[in-house]
N, C-alpha and C. Protein backbone atom coordinates (compact mmCIF):
# COMPACT_ATOMS: atom_id res chain seq x y z
N MET A 1 84.03 -43.03 -18.93
CA MET A 1 83.11 -42.20 -18.82
C MET A 1 82.09 -41.85 -17.61
N GLN A 2 81.80 -40.87 -17.73
CA GLN A 2 81.09 -39.82 -16.37
C GLN A 2 80.48 -40.77 -15.99
N ILE A 3 79.77 -40.91 -14.73
CA ILE A 3 78.82 -41.49 -13.77
C ILE A 3 77.76 -40.67 -14.47
N ASN A 4 77.50 -39.68 -14.47
CA ASN A 4 76.11 -38.50 -15.19
C ASN A 4 75.50 -39.14 -16.96
N GLU A 5 76.72 -39.88 -17.36
CA GLU A 5 76.02 -40.43 -18.55
C GLU A 5 75.37 -42.04 -18.61
N LEU A 6 74.98 -42.16 -17.14
CA LEU A 6 74.43 -43.28 -16.72
C LEU A 6 73.01 -43.03 -16.66
N LYS A 7 71.95 -44.00 -16.45
CA LYS A 7 70.83 -43.53 -16.90
C LYS A 7 70.48 -43.95 -15.33
N ILE A 8 70.37 -43.00 -14.31
CA ILE A 8 70.27 -43.29 -12.77
C ILE A 8 69.97 -41.81 -12.68
N THR A 9 69.33 -41.62 -11.44
CA THR A 9 68.34 -40.84 -10.69
C THR A 9 69.02 -39.66 -10.30
N SER A 10 68.79 -38.45 -10.49
CA SER A 10 69.65 -37.45 -9.69
C SER A 10 69.86 -38.12 -8.24
N ARG A 11 68.95 -37.98 -7.08
CA ARG A 11 69.07 -39.03 -6.34
C ARG A 11 70.48 -39.75 -6.14
N ARG A 12 70.24 -40.56 -6.65
CA ARG A 12 71.57 -41.75 -6.77
C ARG A 12 72.77 -40.91 -7.06
N LEU A 13 72.57 -40.14 -8.00
CA LEU A 13 73.79 -39.86 -8.73
C LEU A 13 74.72 -38.97 -7.26
N GLY A 14 73.86 -37.92 -7.00
CA GLY A 14 74.45 -36.96 -5.51
C GLY A 14 74.88 -38.07 -4.51
N LEU A 15 74.37 -39.00 -4.32
CA LEU A 15 75.28 -40.10 -3.36
C LEU A 15 76.41 -40.70 -4.20
N LEU A 16 76.39 -40.84 -5.16
CA LEU A 16 77.94 -41.42 -5.60
C LEU A 16 79.27 -40.03 -5.92
N VAL A 17 78.29 -38.78 -5.79
CA VAL A 17 78.81 -37.65 -5.85
C VAL A 17 79.78 -37.56 -4.51
N LYS A 18 79.26 -37.73 -3.78
CA LYS A 18 79.58 -37.80 -2.43
C LYS A 18 80.16 -38.62 -1.85
N MET A 19 80.42 -40.09 -2.41
CA MET A 19 81.22 -40.95 -1.93
C MET A 19 82.43 -40.80 -2.64
N ASN A 20 83.07 -39.55 -3.53
CA ASN A 20 83.65 -39.72 -4.78
C ASN A 20 84.15 -40.99 -5.98
N ILE A 21 83.01 -41.07 -6.11
CA ILE A 21 82.80 -41.57 -7.24
C ILE A 21 82.13 -41.03 -8.24
N LEU A 22 83.09 -40.58 -9.46
CA LEU A 22 82.69 -39.69 -10.40
C LEU A 22 82.75 -40.42 -12.22
N THR A 23 83.85 -41.37 -11.67
CA THR A 23 83.32 -42.28 -13.31
C THR A 23 82.76 -43.91 -13.31
N VAL A 24 82.50 -44.57 -14.65
CA VAL A 24 82.42 -45.92 -14.51
C VAL A 24 83.49 -46.95 -13.59
N GLU A 25 84.65 -46.76 -14.26
CA GLU A 25 85.10 -47.28 -13.36
C GLU A 25 85.70 -47.33 -12.19
N ASP A 26 85.41 -45.99 -11.44
CA ASP A 26 85.40 -45.61 -10.17
C ASP A 26 84.46 -46.33 -9.36
N LEU A 27 83.14 -46.66 -9.92
CA LEU A 27 81.99 -47.31 -9.79
C LEU A 27 82.04 -48.89 -9.51
N LEU A 28 83.15 -49.20 -10.98
CA LEU A 28 82.99 -50.97 -10.73
C LEU A 28 84.19 -51.52 -9.74
N LYS A 29 85.30 -50.12 -9.14
CA LYS A 29 85.80 -50.65 -8.25
C LYS A 29 85.49 -50.55 -6.78
N TYR A 30 84.00 -50.08 -6.71
CA TYR A 30 83.39 -50.55 -5.33
C TYR A 30 82.78 -51.74 -4.89
N TYR A 31 83.47 -52.45 -4.98
CA TYR A 31 83.68 -53.79 -4.41
C TYR A 31 82.62 -54.42 -3.14
N PRO A 32 82.02 -55.25 -3.44
CA PRO A 32 81.05 -56.04 -2.16
C PRO A 32 82.30 -56.65 -1.21
N LEU A 33 81.52 -56.09 0.09
CA LEU A 33 82.10 -56.49 1.41
C LEU A 33 82.28 -58.22 1.34
N ARG A 34 80.80 -58.64 0.49
CA ARG A 34 80.57 -59.81 0.83
C ARG A 34 79.43 -60.39 0.02
N TYR A 35 79.16 -61.60 -0.28
CA TYR A 35 78.17 -62.16 -0.79
C TYR A 35 77.38 -63.32 -0.37
N ASP A 36 75.95 -62.62 0.01
CA ASP A 36 75.00 -63.18 0.57
C ASP A 36 74.24 -64.53 -0.66
N THR A 37 74.25 -65.43 0.24
CA THR A 37 73.33 -66.72 -0.75
C THR A 37 72.24 -67.05 0.18
N VAL A 38 71.25 -67.04 -1.22
CA VAL A 38 69.80 -67.32 -0.67
C VAL A 38 69.50 -68.59 -1.53
N GLN A 39 69.36 -69.65 -0.49
CA GLN A 39 69.35 -71.36 -1.06
C GLN A 39 68.16 -71.81 0.01
N THR A 40 67.67 -73.10 -1.17
CA THR A 40 66.48 -73.47 -0.44
C THR A 40 66.81 -74.50 0.71
N LEU A 41 65.63 -74.68 1.75
CA LEU A 41 65.86 -75.63 2.88
C LEU A 41 64.94 -75.21 3.28
N PRO A 42 64.34 -77.37 3.02
CA PRO A 42 62.57 -77.31 3.46
C PRO A 42 62.11 -76.63 5.06
N TYR A 43 61.11 -76.51 5.04
CA TYR A 43 60.99 -76.29 6.55
C TYR A 43 60.63 -77.44 7.45
N ALA A 44 60.69 -78.36 7.19
CA ALA A 44 61.28 -79.96 8.15
C ALA A 44 62.47 -79.42 9.05
N SER A 45 63.62 -78.66 8.19
CA SER A 45 65.05 -78.52 8.51
C SER A 45 65.15 -77.28 9.13
N TRP A 46 64.02 -76.51 9.41
CA TRP A 46 64.21 -74.90 10.05
C TRP A 46 64.72 -75.66 11.51
N ASN A 47 65.81 -74.77 11.84
CA ASN A 47 66.37 -74.80 13.62
C ASN A 47 66.13 -73.09 13.98
N GLU A 48 65.25 -73.50 15.37
CA GLU A 48 64.74 -71.98 15.81
C GLU A 48 66.25 -71.24 15.87
N LYS A 49 65.79 -69.87 15.79
CA LYS A 49 67.01 -68.76 15.63
C LYS A 49 67.43 -68.60 14.33
N GLU A 50 67.32 -69.81 13.26
CA GLU A 50 67.81 -69.43 11.84
C GLU A 50 67.42 -68.35 11.56
N ASN A 51 68.11 -67.97 10.22
CA ASN A 51 67.90 -66.91 9.27
C ASN A 51 67.28 -67.94 7.84
N VAL A 52 66.05 -67.78 7.81
CA VAL A 52 65.14 -68.12 6.97
C VAL A 52 64.68 -67.10 5.65
N VAL A 53 64.16 -67.50 4.69
CA VAL A 53 63.02 -67.04 3.68
C VAL A 53 62.67 -67.67 2.58
N PHE A 54 61.28 -67.34 2.66
CA PHE A 54 60.23 -68.41 1.99
C PHE A 54 59.32 -67.49 1.14
N GLN A 55 58.43 -68.54 0.46
CA GLN A 55 57.40 -67.59 -0.44
C GLN A 55 56.02 -68.74 0.25
N GLY A 56 55.15 -67.47 0.54
CA GLY A 56 53.88 -67.85 0.83
C GLY A 56 52.92 -67.24 0.42
N LEU A 57 51.59 -68.07 0.82
CA LEU A 57 50.20 -67.10 0.46
C LEU A 57 49.49 -66.48 2.04
N ILE A 58 49.24 -65.16 1.49
CA ILE A 58 48.96 -64.72 3.11
C ILE A 58 47.49 -65.22 3.41
N CYS A 59 46.99 -65.74 4.66
CA CYS A 59 45.80 -66.36 4.42
C CYS A 59 45.07 -66.10 6.03
N SER A 60 45.48 -64.79 6.44
CA SER A 60 44.49 -64.03 7.31
C SER A 60 45.04 -62.39 6.84
N ALA A 61 43.76 -61.86 7.78
CA ALA A 61 43.91 -60.31 7.47
C ALA A 61 44.72 -59.88 8.83
N ALA A 62 45.94 -59.04 8.25
CA ALA A 62 46.78 -58.35 9.16
C ALA A 62 46.40 -57.47 9.47
N ARG A 63 46.63 -57.53 10.73
CA ARG A 63 45.94 -56.51 12.34
C ARG A 63 47.76 -55.81 12.93
N VAL A 64 47.56 -54.50 13.13
CA VAL A 64 48.44 -53.64 13.63
C VAL A 64 48.59 -53.33 15.18
N ILE A 65 49.48 -53.69 15.62
CA ILE A 65 49.21 -53.21 17.26
C ILE A 65 50.32 -52.51 18.29
N ARG A 66 49.58 -51.08 18.43
CA ARG A 66 50.02 -49.96 18.70
C ARG A 66 51.22 -50.46 19.93
N LEU A 67 52.51 -50.30 19.95
CA LEU A 67 53.48 -50.47 21.33
C LEU A 67 53.52 -49.01 21.65
N SER A 68 53.67 -48.06 21.09
CA SER A 68 54.36 -46.48 21.27
C SER A 68 54.11 -45.97 20.57
N LYS A 69 54.10 -44.39 20.64
CA LYS A 69 53.97 -43.69 19.35
C LYS A 69 54.76 -43.79 18.05
N ASN A 70 55.36 -44.12 18.25
CA ASN A 70 56.21 -44.57 16.87
C ASN A 70 56.95 -46.05 16.72
N ARG A 71 56.02 -46.86 17.99
CA ARG A 71 56.63 -47.86 17.32
C ARG A 71 54.61 -48.92 17.38
N SER A 72 55.42 -49.92 16.40
CA SER A 72 54.05 -50.95 16.13
C SER A 72 54.63 -52.19 15.96
N MET A 73 53.52 -53.23 15.19
CA MET A 73 53.84 -54.49 15.50
C MET A 73 52.34 -55.13 14.22
N THR A 74 53.09 -55.45 13.13
CA THR A 74 51.86 -56.22 12.54
C THR A 74 52.12 -57.40 12.62
N LYS A 75 50.78 -58.41 12.40
CA LYS A 75 50.88 -59.38 12.29
C LYS A 75 49.86 -60.03 11.67
N PHE A 76 50.16 -61.71 10.91
CA PHE A 76 49.45 -62.00 9.64
C PHE A 76 50.05 -63.49 9.74
N LYS A 77 49.14 -64.51 9.14
CA LYS A 77 49.55 -65.61 8.43
C LYS A 77 49.90 -65.76 6.95
N VAL A 78 50.78 -66.77 6.95
CA VAL A 78 51.24 -67.12 5.74
C VAL A 78 51.03 -68.83 5.82
N MET A 79 50.89 -69.36 4.45
CA MET A 79 50.79 -70.66 3.81
C MET A 79 52.18 -70.70 3.66
N SER A 80 52.95 -71.98 3.89
CA SER A 80 54.24 -72.03 3.51
C SER A 80 54.52 -73.34 3.60
N TRP A 81 55.46 -74.66 2.91
CA TRP A 81 55.34 -75.49 3.32
C TRP A 81 54.35 -76.38 3.49
N ASN A 82 53.37 -76.05 3.26
CA ASN A 82 52.03 -76.84 4.26
C ASN A 82 51.79 -76.65 5.80
N GLU A 83 52.12 -75.32 6.00
CA GLU A 83 52.04 -74.73 7.02
C GLU A 83 51.42 -73.85 7.26
N GLU A 84 51.14 -73.39 8.26
CA GLU A 84 50.71 -71.93 8.79
C GLU A 84 51.53 -71.34 9.51
N LEU A 85 51.99 -70.49 9.24
CA LEU A 85 53.48 -69.81 9.55
C LEU A 85 52.87 -68.58 10.49
N ASN A 86 53.07 -67.93 11.23
CA ASN A 86 52.47 -66.54 12.28
C ASN A 86 53.79 -65.80 11.79
N ILE A 87 53.35 -64.69 11.51
CA ILE A 87 54.96 -63.78 10.92
C ILE A 87 54.33 -62.25 11.53
N THR A 88 55.44 -62.08 12.28
CA THR A 88 55.55 -60.51 13.15
C THR A 88 56.60 -59.82 12.45
N LEU A 89 56.16 -58.49 12.03
CA LEU A 89 56.71 -57.52 11.40
C LEU A 89 56.86 -56.48 12.54
N PHE A 90 57.62 -55.63 12.50
CA PHE A 90 58.10 -53.96 13.72
C PHE A 90 58.13 -52.97 12.40
N ASN A 91 57.22 -51.82 13.10
CA ASN A 91 57.48 -50.89 12.49
C ASN A 91 56.68 -50.77 10.93
N ARG A 92 56.19 -51.93 10.36
CA ARG A 92 55.18 -51.67 8.93
C ARG A 92 53.59 -51.69 9.16
N PRO A 93 53.35 -50.18 9.60
CA PRO A 93 51.75 -50.28 10.09
C PRO A 93 51.07 -49.93 8.69
N TRP A 94 51.41 -50.78 7.65
CA TRP A 94 50.41 -50.58 6.59
C TRP A 94 49.30 -51.79 6.28
N PRO A 95 48.60 -52.49 6.67
CA PRO A 95 47.81 -53.72 6.88
C PRO A 95 47.35 -54.01 5.60
N SER A 96 47.15 -52.53 4.80
CA SER A 96 46.51 -53.25 3.17
C SER A 96 47.81 -53.74 2.19
N GLN A 97 48.54 -53.36 2.72
CA GLN A 97 49.60 -54.10 1.67
C GLN A 97 49.42 -55.70 2.03
N PHE A 98 49.26 -56.19 3.08
CA PHE A 98 49.28 -57.56 3.23
C PHE A 98 47.34 -58.13 3.21
N GLY A 99 47.38 -57.80 1.86
CA GLY A 99 46.00 -58.53 1.17
C GLY A 99 45.76 -60.15 1.53
N PHE A 100 44.61 -60.52 1.92
CA PHE A 100 44.40 -62.06 1.78
C PHE A 100 44.53 -62.42 0.61
N GLY A 101 45.18 -63.41 0.59
CA GLY A 101 45.66 -64.40 -0.62
C GLY A 101 46.55 -63.69 -1.50
N LYS A 102 47.55 -62.82 -1.10
CA LYS A 102 48.54 -62.22 -1.94
C LYS A 102 49.73 -63.06 -1.69
N THR A 103 50.67 -63.22 -2.74
CA THR A 103 51.96 -63.99 -2.45
C THR A 103 53.18 -63.44 -2.37
N ILE A 104 53.89 -63.85 -1.29
CA ILE A 104 55.02 -62.90 -0.36
C ILE A 104 55.93 -63.92 -0.44
N THR A 105 57.05 -63.03 -0.28
CA THR A 105 58.59 -63.38 0.09
C THR A 105 58.59 -62.85 1.60
N ILE A 106 59.36 -63.76 2.10
CA ILE A 106 59.47 -62.91 3.65
C ILE A 106 60.77 -63.55 3.84
N TYR A 107 61.88 -62.66 4.68
CA TYR A 107 63.05 -62.48 5.26
C TYR A 107 62.73 -62.39 6.35
N GLY A 108 63.37 -63.61 7.45
CA GLY A 108 63.17 -62.85 8.89
C GLY A 108 64.03 -64.46 9.80
N GLN A 109 63.49 -64.80 10.88
CA GLN A 109 64.80 -65.42 11.44
C GLN A 109 63.62 -66.18 12.33
N TYR A 110 63.56 -67.61 12.22
CA TYR A 110 62.52 -68.69 12.57
C TYR A 110 62.60 -68.80 14.11
N GLN A 111 61.45 -68.48 14.97
CA GLN A 111 61.28 -68.38 16.40
C GLN A 111 60.96 -69.81 17.01
N GLY A 112 60.77 -70.36 16.46
CA GLY A 112 60.04 -71.70 17.01
C GLY A 112 58.61 -71.81 16.65
N ASN A 113 58.19 -73.31 16.73
CA ASN A 113 56.48 -73.64 16.81
C ASN A 113 55.80 -72.60 15.84
N ASN A 114 56.14 -72.35 14.62
CA ASN A 114 55.86 -71.71 13.45
C ASN A 114 55.69 -70.50 13.67
N ASN A 115 56.59 -69.90 14.52
CA ASN A 115 56.48 -68.14 14.20
C ASN A 115 57.32 -67.66 13.81
N VAL A 116 58.05 -66.93 12.81
CA VAL A 116 59.00 -66.25 12.22
C VAL A 116 59.12 -64.58 12.43
N LEU A 117 59.71 -64.33 13.29
CA LEU A 117 60.18 -62.71 13.15
C LEU A 117 61.28 -62.10 11.85
N ALA A 118 59.68 -61.24 11.31
CA ALA A 118 60.38 -60.50 9.88
C ALA A 118 61.08 -59.68 9.77
N SER A 119 62.59 -59.82 8.97
CA SER A 119 62.92 -58.21 9.22
C SER A 119 62.89 -57.53 7.38
N THR A 120 62.43 -58.18 6.65
CA THR A 120 61.64 -57.71 5.79
C THR A 120 61.09 -58.40 4.53
N TYR A 121 60.72 -58.13 3.75
CA TYR A 121 59.71 -58.73 2.93
C TYR A 121 59.64 -58.09 1.28
N ASN A 122 59.15 -58.53 0.21
CA ASN A 122 58.61 -58.02 -1.05
C ASN A 122 57.72 -58.87 -1.63
N PHE A 123 57.19 -58.41 -2.46
CA PHE A 123 56.45 -59.50 -3.43
C PHE A 123 57.08 -59.90 -5.03
N LYS A 124 58.04 -60.18 -5.08
CA LYS A 124 58.52 -60.66 -6.13
C LYS A 124 58.46 -62.02 -5.97
N PRO A 125 58.50 -62.96 -7.23
CA PRO A 125 58.67 -64.30 -7.01
C PRO A 125 60.04 -64.92 -6.27
N LEU A 126 60.29 -65.75 -5.37
CA LEU A 126 61.38 -66.02 -4.62
C LEU A 126 62.28 -66.49 -5.92
N ASP A 127 61.85 -67.56 -6.29
CA ASP A 127 62.89 -68.04 -8.06
C ASP A 127 63.54 -67.14 -8.64
N GLN A 128 63.14 -65.79 -7.88
CA GLN A 128 64.22 -64.89 -8.83
C GLN A 128 64.93 -63.98 -7.95
N GLN A 129 64.82 -64.60 -6.85
CA GLN A 129 65.87 -63.82 -5.73
C GLN A 129 66.92 -64.60 -5.22
N LEU A 130 66.97 -66.53 -5.87
CA LEU A 130 67.60 -67.34 -5.11
C LEU A 130 69.22 -66.89 -6.07
N GLY A 131 70.53 -67.38 -5.40
CA GLY A 131 71.53 -67.23 -5.94
C GLY A 131 72.35 -66.08 -4.69
N LEU A 132 73.18 -65.59 -5.40
CA LEU A 132 74.11 -65.13 -4.68
C LEU A 132 74.15 -63.63 -5.05
N HIS A 133 74.16 -62.71 -3.74
CA HIS A 133 73.65 -61.17 -3.98
C HIS A 133 74.98 -60.41 -3.52
N PRO A 134 75.68 -59.88 -3.66
CA PRO A 134 76.62 -59.17 -3.45
C PRO A 134 76.18 -58.05 -2.05
N VAL A 135 77.04 -57.54 -1.22
CA VAL A 135 76.70 -56.87 -0.08
C VAL A 135 77.60 -55.59 0.05
N TYR A 136 77.25 -54.59 -0.26
CA TYR A 136 78.04 -53.24 -0.23
C TYR A 136 78.26 -52.56 0.79
N PRO A 137 79.08 -51.90 1.17
CA PRO A 137 79.21 -50.90 2.13
C PRO A 137 78.47 -49.65 1.38
N LEU A 138 77.58 -48.89 2.80
CA LEU A 138 76.74 -48.35 2.22
C LEU A 138 77.08 -46.75 2.87
N ILE A 139 76.16 -45.49 2.70
CA ILE A 139 76.32 -44.69 3.30
C ILE A 139 74.88 -45.02 3.68
N GLU A 140 74.69 -42.89 4.47
CA GLU A 140 73.12 -43.02 5.00
C GLU A 140 72.59 -42.34 3.36
N GLY A 141 71.60 -42.45 3.64
CA GLY A 141 70.74 -42.94 2.19
C GLY A 141 71.11 -43.66 1.06
N LEU A 142 71.69 -44.60 1.18
CA LEU A 142 71.90 -45.15 0.10
C LEU A 142 71.72 -46.86 0.45
N LYS A 143 70.76 -47.22 -0.30
CA LYS A 143 70.12 -48.85 -0.02
C LYS A 143 71.32 -49.79 -0.58
N GLN A 144 71.05 -51.36 -0.08
CA GLN A 144 71.43 -51.95 -1.30
C GLN A 144 71.24 -52.17 -2.73
N SER A 145 69.11 -52.24 -2.56
CA SER A 145 68.95 -52.22 -3.38
C SER A 145 69.60 -51.13 -4.82
N ASP A 146 69.37 -50.14 -4.06
CA ASP A 146 70.10 -48.67 -5.01
C ASP A 146 71.78 -48.94 -5.61
N ILE A 147 72.49 -49.61 -4.74
CA ILE A 147 73.80 -49.53 -5.58
C ILE A 147 73.91 -51.15 -6.17
N GLN A 148 72.88 -51.98 -6.19
CA GLN A 148 72.95 -53.47 -7.03
C GLN A 148 72.35 -52.41 -8.25
N ALA A 149 71.34 -51.86 -8.66
CA ALA A 149 70.69 -51.51 -9.69
C ALA A 149 71.66 -50.13 -10.22
N ILE A 150 72.15 -49.69 -9.61
CA ILE A 150 73.44 -48.91 -10.16
C ILE A 150 74.30 -49.45 -10.78
N MET A 151 74.43 -50.73 -10.39
CA MET A 151 76.46 -51.36 -10.74
C MET A 151 75.47 -52.28 -11.95
N LYS A 152 74.08 -52.71 -11.90
CA LYS A 152 74.12 -53.48 -13.15
C LYS A 152 74.02 -52.01 -14.03
N GLU A 153 73.65 -50.84 -14.08
CA GLU A 153 73.51 -49.81 -15.10
C GLU A 153 74.90 -49.99 -15.65
N ALA A 154 75.80 -49.40 -14.71
CA ALA A 154 77.26 -49.86 -14.69
C ALA A 154 77.91 -50.64 -15.50
N LEU A 155 77.72 -51.83 -15.31
CA LEU A 155 78.16 -53.04 -16.28
C LEU A 155 77.63 -52.95 -17.92
N LYS A 156 76.59 -52.16 -18.32
CA LYS A 156 76.31 -52.33 -19.35
C LYS A 156 77.23 -51.55 -19.92
N HIS A 157 78.46 -50.80 -19.60
CA HIS A 157 79.39 -50.04 -20.08
C HIS A 157 80.66 -50.47 -20.01
N VAL A 158 80.51 -51.64 -19.54
CA VAL A 158 81.73 -52.14 -19.13
C VAL A 158 82.53 -52.85 -20.36
N ASP A 159 82.46 -52.90 -21.32
CA ASP A 159 83.26 -53.35 -22.38
C ASP A 159 84.30 -52.19 -22.73
N ILE A 160 83.49 -50.76 -22.36
CA ILE A 160 83.98 -50.05 -23.31
C ILE A 160 85.76 -49.83 -22.32
N LEU A 161 85.93 -50.14 -20.94
CA LEU A 161 87.11 -49.95 -20.28
C LEU A 161 88.40 -50.68 -20.93
N PRO A 162 89.16 -49.78 -20.65
CA PRO A 162 90.75 -49.95 -21.18
C PRO A 162 91.60 -51.60 -20.60
N GLN A 163 91.98 -52.55 -21.25
CA GLN A 163 92.21 -53.42 -21.19
C GLN A 163 93.62 -53.56 -20.34
N ARG A 164 93.97 -53.68 -19.75
CA ARG A 164 95.39 -52.96 -18.66
C ARG A 164 96.34 -53.92 -18.57
N VAL A 165 96.08 -55.33 -18.70
CA VAL A 165 97.17 -56.23 -19.06
C VAL A 165 97.05 -56.79 -20.22
N PRO A 166 98.43 -56.65 -20.95
CA PRO A 166 98.58 -57.13 -21.88
C PRO A 166 98.32 -58.45 -22.25
N GLN A 167 97.92 -58.82 -23.71
CA GLN A 167 97.02 -59.46 -23.89
C GLN A 167 97.83 -60.79 -23.91
N ARG A 168 99.40 -60.73 -24.36
CA ARG A 168 100.02 -62.22 -24.02
C ARG A 168 99.67 -62.43 -22.56
N TYR A 169 99.73 -61.87 -21.66
CA TYR A 169 99.52 -62.26 -20.14
C TYR A 169 98.30 -62.74 -20.24
N VAL A 170 97.51 -62.44 -20.57
CA VAL A 170 96.12 -63.02 -20.66
C VAL A 170 95.98 -64.16 -20.82
N ASP A 171 96.76 -64.34 -22.29
CA ASP A 171 96.84 -65.36 -22.92
C ASP A 171 97.52 -67.00 -22.19
N LYS A 172 98.92 -66.21 -21.68
CA LYS A 172 100.01 -67.16 -21.50
C LYS A 172 98.93 -67.45 -19.53
N TYR A 173 98.47 -66.81 -18.84
CA TYR A 173 98.16 -67.23 -17.49
C TYR A 173 96.91 -67.59 -17.61
N LYS A 174 96.00 -67.50 -18.61
CA LYS A 174 94.39 -67.69 -18.27
C LYS A 174 93.86 -66.98 -17.49
N LEU A 175 94.02 -65.42 -17.74
CA LEU A 175 93.61 -64.71 -16.72
C LEU A 175 92.04 -64.29 -17.69
N LEU A 176 91.17 -63.80 -16.51
CA LEU A 176 89.82 -63.00 -17.00
C LEU A 176 90.01 -61.69 -17.61
N ASP A 177 89.40 -61.61 -18.91
CA ASP A 177 89.59 -60.28 -19.06
C ASP A 177 88.40 -59.16 -18.39
N ILE A 178 89.08 -58.22 -18.49
CA ILE A 178 88.40 -57.11 -17.42
C ILE A 178 87.07 -57.17 -17.75
N SER A 179 86.45 -56.89 -18.65
CA SER A 179 84.64 -57.09 -18.50
C SER A 179 84.32 -58.19 -17.89
N THR A 180 84.67 -59.34 -18.39
CA THR A 180 84.45 -60.99 -17.64
C THR A 180 84.63 -60.72 -16.18
N ALA A 181 85.44 -59.94 -15.50
CA ALA A 181 86.16 -60.48 -14.05
C ALA A 181 85.07 -59.18 -13.21
N TYR A 182 84.69 -57.81 -13.79
CA TYR A 182 84.12 -57.39 -13.30
C TYR A 182 82.63 -57.22 -13.11
N LYS A 183 81.78 -58.33 -14.00
CA LYS A 183 80.72 -58.85 -14.28
C LYS A 183 80.63 -59.51 -12.94
N TRP A 184 82.06 -60.98 -12.99
CA TRP A 184 82.06 -61.73 -11.78
C TRP A 184 82.06 -61.45 -10.51
N ILE A 185 82.55 -60.26 -10.32
CA ILE A 185 82.87 -59.62 -8.79
C ILE A 185 81.57 -58.85 -8.66
N HIS A 186 80.80 -58.53 -9.32
CA HIS A 186 79.69 -58.03 -8.97
C HIS A 186 78.09 -58.75 -8.90
N PHE A 187 78.58 -59.78 -9.90
CA PHE A 187 77.13 -60.44 -9.71
C PHE A 187 77.19 -61.80 -10.23
N ARG A 188 78.89 -62.53 -9.47
CA ARG A 188 78.91 -63.72 -9.78
C ARG A 188 78.23 -64.51 -9.57
N LYS A 189 78.05 -65.66 -10.53
CA LYS A 189 77.42 -67.26 -10.37
C LYS A 189 78.19 -67.89 -9.49
N MET A 190 77.29 -69.28 -9.36
CA MET A 190 77.33 -69.95 -8.31
C MET A 190 78.44 -70.48 -8.13
N LYS A 191 78.69 -71.24 -9.78
CA LYS A 191 79.92 -72.13 -10.17
C LYS A 191 81.23 -70.55 -9.91
N ALA A 192 81.14 -69.56 -9.75
CA ALA A 192 82.42 -68.98 -9.78
C ALA A 192 82.95 -68.68 -8.35
N ALA A 193 81.71 -68.73 -7.41
CA ALA A 193 81.85 -68.82 -5.91
C ALA A 193 82.97 -69.24 -5.69
N ALA A 194 84.20 -69.09 -4.37
CA ALA A 194 85.28 -69.44 -3.79
C ALA A 194 85.24 -68.68 -2.80
N CYS A 195 84.36 -68.17 -1.93
CA CYS A 195 85.08 -67.45 -1.23
C CYS A 195 83.98 -67.97 -0.03
N SER A 196 83.62 -67.34 1.32
CA SER A 196 82.64 -67.88 2.38
C SER A 196 81.74 -66.81 2.16
N HIS A 197 80.54 -67.67 2.39
CA HIS A 197 79.21 -66.50 2.28
C HIS A 197 78.83 -66.99 3.58
N SER A 198 77.62 -65.86 4.07
CA SER A 198 76.44 -65.91 5.09
C SER A 198 75.37 -66.44 4.47
N TYR A 199 75.27 -67.50 4.90
CA TYR A 199 73.81 -67.90 4.01
C TYR A 199 72.09 -67.77 4.96
N ILE A 200 71.64 -67.62 3.71
CA ILE A 200 70.05 -67.46 4.10
C ILE A 200 69.36 -68.78 3.48
N LYS A 201 68.54 -69.60 4.62
CA LYS A 201 68.20 -70.68 4.27
C LYS A 201 66.68 -70.29 4.14
N ILE A 202 66.05 -71.00 3.24
CA ILE A 202 64.54 -70.87 2.83
C ILE A 202 63.63 -72.24 3.08
């Protein structure tokens, strides 16, 4: 199956062609470099300079500090774990995004004294982001969210791929069928994980 038969945007299709990915099988063989694990850890267990991710309620107005023509710093406060956390974001000069009372999920580094230097954020519920997440090699113009969305679309068609290992060997050695193998490679479950991961603590 050719990748132009998938329901993906022309921009994403062009990036795949640039990477010489032309078929669904080519795409499914574009394996993750590693898996990041997002798991919960109470605020009381956070250590300085550790990566953290948490959900909270924005409890102050955001203010933007201009550092130079092309650099800025946005600051606001978030209530999480019954703590008022001071959030700093660089080069996100859009205070209207951070409305008072809005629920936000923040990824960043704990700086101590209730200060968090945020690297990214979103407004999706945190419980939808827990677990293992594949991390792929990227080219310019391609984001992790792009390739993950593309891969999910490709996996809808994984059952049409030929089973290259004879069924007698699959049965004898208790091998995974090709459909399950690709699903576990790209979006593996916690129980299926058996390699080292980088941990992001909540």
